[in-house]
Amino acid sequence: MPGCETIAPDGLYAWVFAYDRRAALLDTLTYGRLYHLRAVEESPFLNEVTPPGRWHPFGLAYQPPHLWFLHGPTGQPTEVWRYSWNGSHLHSPRVWRHPGFVSLQAIEPLDSLRFYVANDRKGRHRWHLVMGFFIRRVRSSLYYCEGDSCHLAADRIPYASGLCYLP
């Protein structure tokens, strides 16, 4: 499996997105492949379930029966996508766009409509010179969303590349 980038557990199974450079060069509509696999076998069964269209998911998360990810048509994720999973195919995509979503970093779904999402704070990167190297320090914001309504839950937190919700 070339270029495994993101993974989301699903009980005995796992979702994996693998970047495929050769496929991306041959087919400009595809950045990679999405697989659903039985993760507990020595030679896992791979089931490719890549939806059609040009997409590159960031931060896969699975909350049955939905697969969530962050999507960016130009490589910078600014949308939240959710597909329904029927055991063999992904269908009924739902997309959330919000003016505050500038560069999404991580997602934590709560149920079919509620989720937390970490976001680069308005794209303002602060650069500092450290021992002769420029270092980028990014501050993030955390949004809580219910359906199409998103509210800022926390601001000015360090770079958030992963989220975990503990009720």
Protein backbone atom coordinates (compact mmCIF):
# COMPACT_ATOMS: atom_id res chain seq x y z
CA MET A 1 0.00 0.00 0.00
CA PRO A 2 1.89 3.10 -1.18
CA GLY A 3 1.98 6.27 0.87
CA CYS A 4 -0.35 5.40 3.78
CA GLU A 5 -1.35 8.81 5.11
CA THR A 6 -4.35 8.52 7.42
CA ILE A 7 -6.09 5.66 9.21
CA ALA A 8 -9.34 5.31 11.17
CA PRO A 9 -10.28 2.21 13.21
CA ASP A 10 -13.60 0.41 12.70
CA GLY A 11 -13.68 -2.46 15.19
CA LEU A 12 -11.94 -5.39 13.47
CA TYR A 13 -11.60 -3.26 10.35
CA ALA A 14 -9.78 -0.07 9.47
CA TRP A 15 -10.11 2.75 6.98
CA VAL A 16 -6.88 3.74 5.25
CA PHE A 17 -6.15 6.50 2.77
CA ALA A 18 -3.03 5.87 0.69
CA TYR A 19 -1.52 8.48 -1.59
CA ASP A 20 -0.79 6.96 -4.98
CA ARG A 21 1.66 9.11 -6.97
CA ARG A 22 1.42 6.95 -10.10
CA ALA A 23 -2.38 7.07 -10.09
CA ALA A 24 -2.27 10.83 -9.53
CA LEU A 25 -0.01 11.25 -12.55
CA LEU A 26 -2.15 9.01 -14.78
CA ASP A 27 -5.53 10.26 -13.58
CA THR A 28 -5.71 13.91 -12.59
CA LEU A 29 -9.03 13.27 -10.82
CA THR A 30 -7.43 11.02 -8.19
CA TYR A 31 -4.87 11.82 -5.50
CA GLY A 32 -5.00 8.41 -3.87
CA ARG A 33 -7.05 5.41 -2.88
CA LEU A 34 -9.34 4.75 0.08
CA TYR A 35 -9.38 1.21 1.46
CA HIS A 36 -11.53 -0.64 3.98
CA LEU A 37 -9.60 -3.62 5.32
CA ARG A 38 -9.81 -6.39 7.87
CA ALA A 39 -7.04 -5.22 10.16
CA VAL A 40 -6.60 -8.33 12.30
CA GLU A 41 -5.43 -10.67 9.54
CA GLU A 42 -1.78 -11.26 8.71
CA SER A 43 -2.55 -10.54 5.04
CA PRO A 44 -5.40 -8.07 5.34
CA PHE A 45 -8.22 -8.12 2.82
CA LEU A 46 -8.20 -4.80 0.98
CA ASN A 47 -11.48 -3.43 -0.30
CA GLU A 48 -10.97 -0.26 -2.35
CA VAL A 49 -13.89 2.11 -1.78
CA THR A 50 -12.53 5.32 -3.32
CA PRO A 51 -15.42 7.67 -4.14
CA PRO A 52 -15.33 9.34 -7.57
CA GLY A 53 -13.92 12.82 -7.99
CA ARG A 54 -10.74 14.69 -7.18
CA TRP A 55 -10.26 14.50 -3.44
CA HIS A 56 -7.58 14.08 -0.82
CA PRO A 57 -8.96 13.32 2.64
CA PHE A 58 -7.17 14.54 5.72
CA GLY A 59 -7.80 13.15 9.20
CA LEU A 60 -10.09 10.15 8.66
CA ALA A 61 -12.51 9.45 11.52
CA TYR A 62 -15.15 6.73 11.71
CA GLN A 63 -18.30 7.06 13.81
CA PRO A 64 -20.68 4.27 12.71
CA PRO A 65 -22.16 4.36 10.16
CA HIS A 66 -20.33 7.47 8.92
CA LEU A 67 -16.82 8.08 7.61
CA TRP A 68 -15.70 11.65 8.28
CA PHE A 69 -12.73 13.50 6.85
CA LEU A 70 -11.40 16.94 6.03
CA HIS A 71 -11.15 17.77 2.35
CA GLY A 72 -9.35 20.35 0.28
CA PRO A 73 -9.66 20.61 -3.48
CA THR A 74 -6.22 22.25 -3.70
CA GLY A 75 -4.46 20.34 -0.92
CA GLN A 76 -5.56 22.65 1.90
CA PRO A 77 -8.58 21.23 3.74
CA THR A 78 -11.38 23.77 4.17
CA GLU A 79 -14.40 21.43 4.14
CA VAL A 80 -15.79 18.70 6.39
CA TRP A 81 -17.11 15.67 4.49
CA ARG A 82 -19.24 12.81 5.80
CA TYR A 83 -20.14 9.66 3.87
CA SER A 84 -22.56 6.95 4.98
CA TRP A 85 -21.21 3.39 4.94
CA ASN A 86 -23.58 0.49 4.18
CA GLY A 87 -21.01 -2.28 4.65
CA SER A 88 -19.75 -2.27 1.08
CA HIS A 89 -20.08 1.23 -0.40
CA LEU A 90 -19.82 4.86 0.62
CA HIS A 91 -22.84 6.96 -0.35
CA SER A 92 -24.82 10.13 0.40
CA PRO A 93 -21.95 12.58 0.93
CA ARG A 94 -22.65 15.59 3.11
CA VAL A 95 -20.36 18.62 3.03
CA TRP A 96 -19.94 21.40 5.59
CA ARG A 97 -18.36 24.70 4.63
CA HIS A 98 -17.90 27.53 7.08
CA PRO A 99 -16.24 30.93 6.63
CA GLY A 100 -14.02 30.19 9.64
CA PHE A 101 -12.60 27.00 8.10
CA VAL A 102 -9.26 28.19 6.72
CA SER A 103 -6.96 25.18 7.10
CA LEU A 104 -8.60 22.31 8.95
CA GLN A 105 -6.29 20.07 10.96
CA ALA A 106 -8.35 17.48 12.86
CA ILE A 107 -11.92 16.30 13.35
CA GLU A 108 -13.75 14.50 16.15
CA PRO A 109 -17.31 13.42 15.23
CA LEU A 110 -19.81 13.09 18.08
CA ASP A 111 -22.77 11.70 16.14
CA SER A 112 -24.26 12.09 12.65
CA LEU A 113 -24.50 15.91 12.82
CA ARG A 114 -22.29 17.14 15.66
CA PHE A 115 -18.52 17.39 15.52
CA TYR A 116 -15.50 19.27 16.80
CA VAL A 117 -12.97 20.51 14.28
CA ALA A 118 -9.54 22.09 14.80
CA ASN A 119 -8.68 24.91 12.47
CA ASP A 120 -5.60 26.98 11.69
CA ARG A 121 -6.38 30.40 13.13
CA LYS A 122 -7.23 32.48 10.05
CA GLY A 123 -4.08 31.36 8.26
CA ARG A 124 -1.84 33.64 10.32
CA HIS A 125 1.48 31.87 10.62
CA ARG A 126 4.01 33.41 12.93
CA TRP A 127 7.65 32.86 12.03
CA HIS A 128 10.48 32.99 14.53
CA LEU A 129 14.22 32.78 13.99
CA VAL A 130 15.58 29.95 16.14
CA MET A 131 19.32 29.18 15.90
CA GLY A 132 19.46 30.41 12.32
CA PHE A 133 16.28 28.61 11.20
CA PHE A 134 12.87 30.11 10.58
CA ILE A 135 10.32 28.13 12.60
CA ARG A 136 6.60 28.44 11.95
CA ARG A 137 4.39 28.56 15.03
CA VAL A 138 0.73 28.07 14.25
CA ARG A 139 -2.10 28.90 16.60
CA SER A 140 -5.36 27.03 16.22
CA SER A 141 -9.00 27.46 17.01
CA LEU A 142 -11.52 24.79 17.96
CA TYR A 143 -15.05 24.84 16.52
CA TYR A 144 -18.09 22.98 17.80
CA CYS A 145 -20.61 22.33 15.04
CA GLU A 146 -24.23 21.17 15.08
CA GLY A 147 -25.38 20.66 11.52
CA ASP A 148 -24.66 23.84 9.57
CA SER A 149 -24.14 25.96 12.69
CA CYS A 150 -20.56 26.24 13.97
CA HIS A 151 -19.39 28.13 17.05
CA LEU A 152 -15.89 28.97 18.23
CA ALA A 153 -15.26 26.83 21.31
CA ALA A 154 -11.63 27.77 22.01
CA ASP A 155 -9.09 30.07 20.41
CA ARG A 156 -5.33 30.56 20.51
CA ILE A 157 -4.50 26.94 21.32
CA PRO A 158 -1.26 25.36 20.05
CA TYR A 159 -1.23 23.55 16.73
CA ALA A 160 -3.88 20.82 16.95
CA SER A 161 -3.15 17.91 14.64
CA GLY A 162 -5.39 15.49 16.52
CA LEU A 163 -8.54 15.58 18.64
CA CYS A 164 -10.11 13.22 21.14
CA TYR A 165 -13.42 13.88 22.89
CA LEU A 166 -13.91 12.50 26.41
CA PRO A 167 -17.56 12.95 27.49
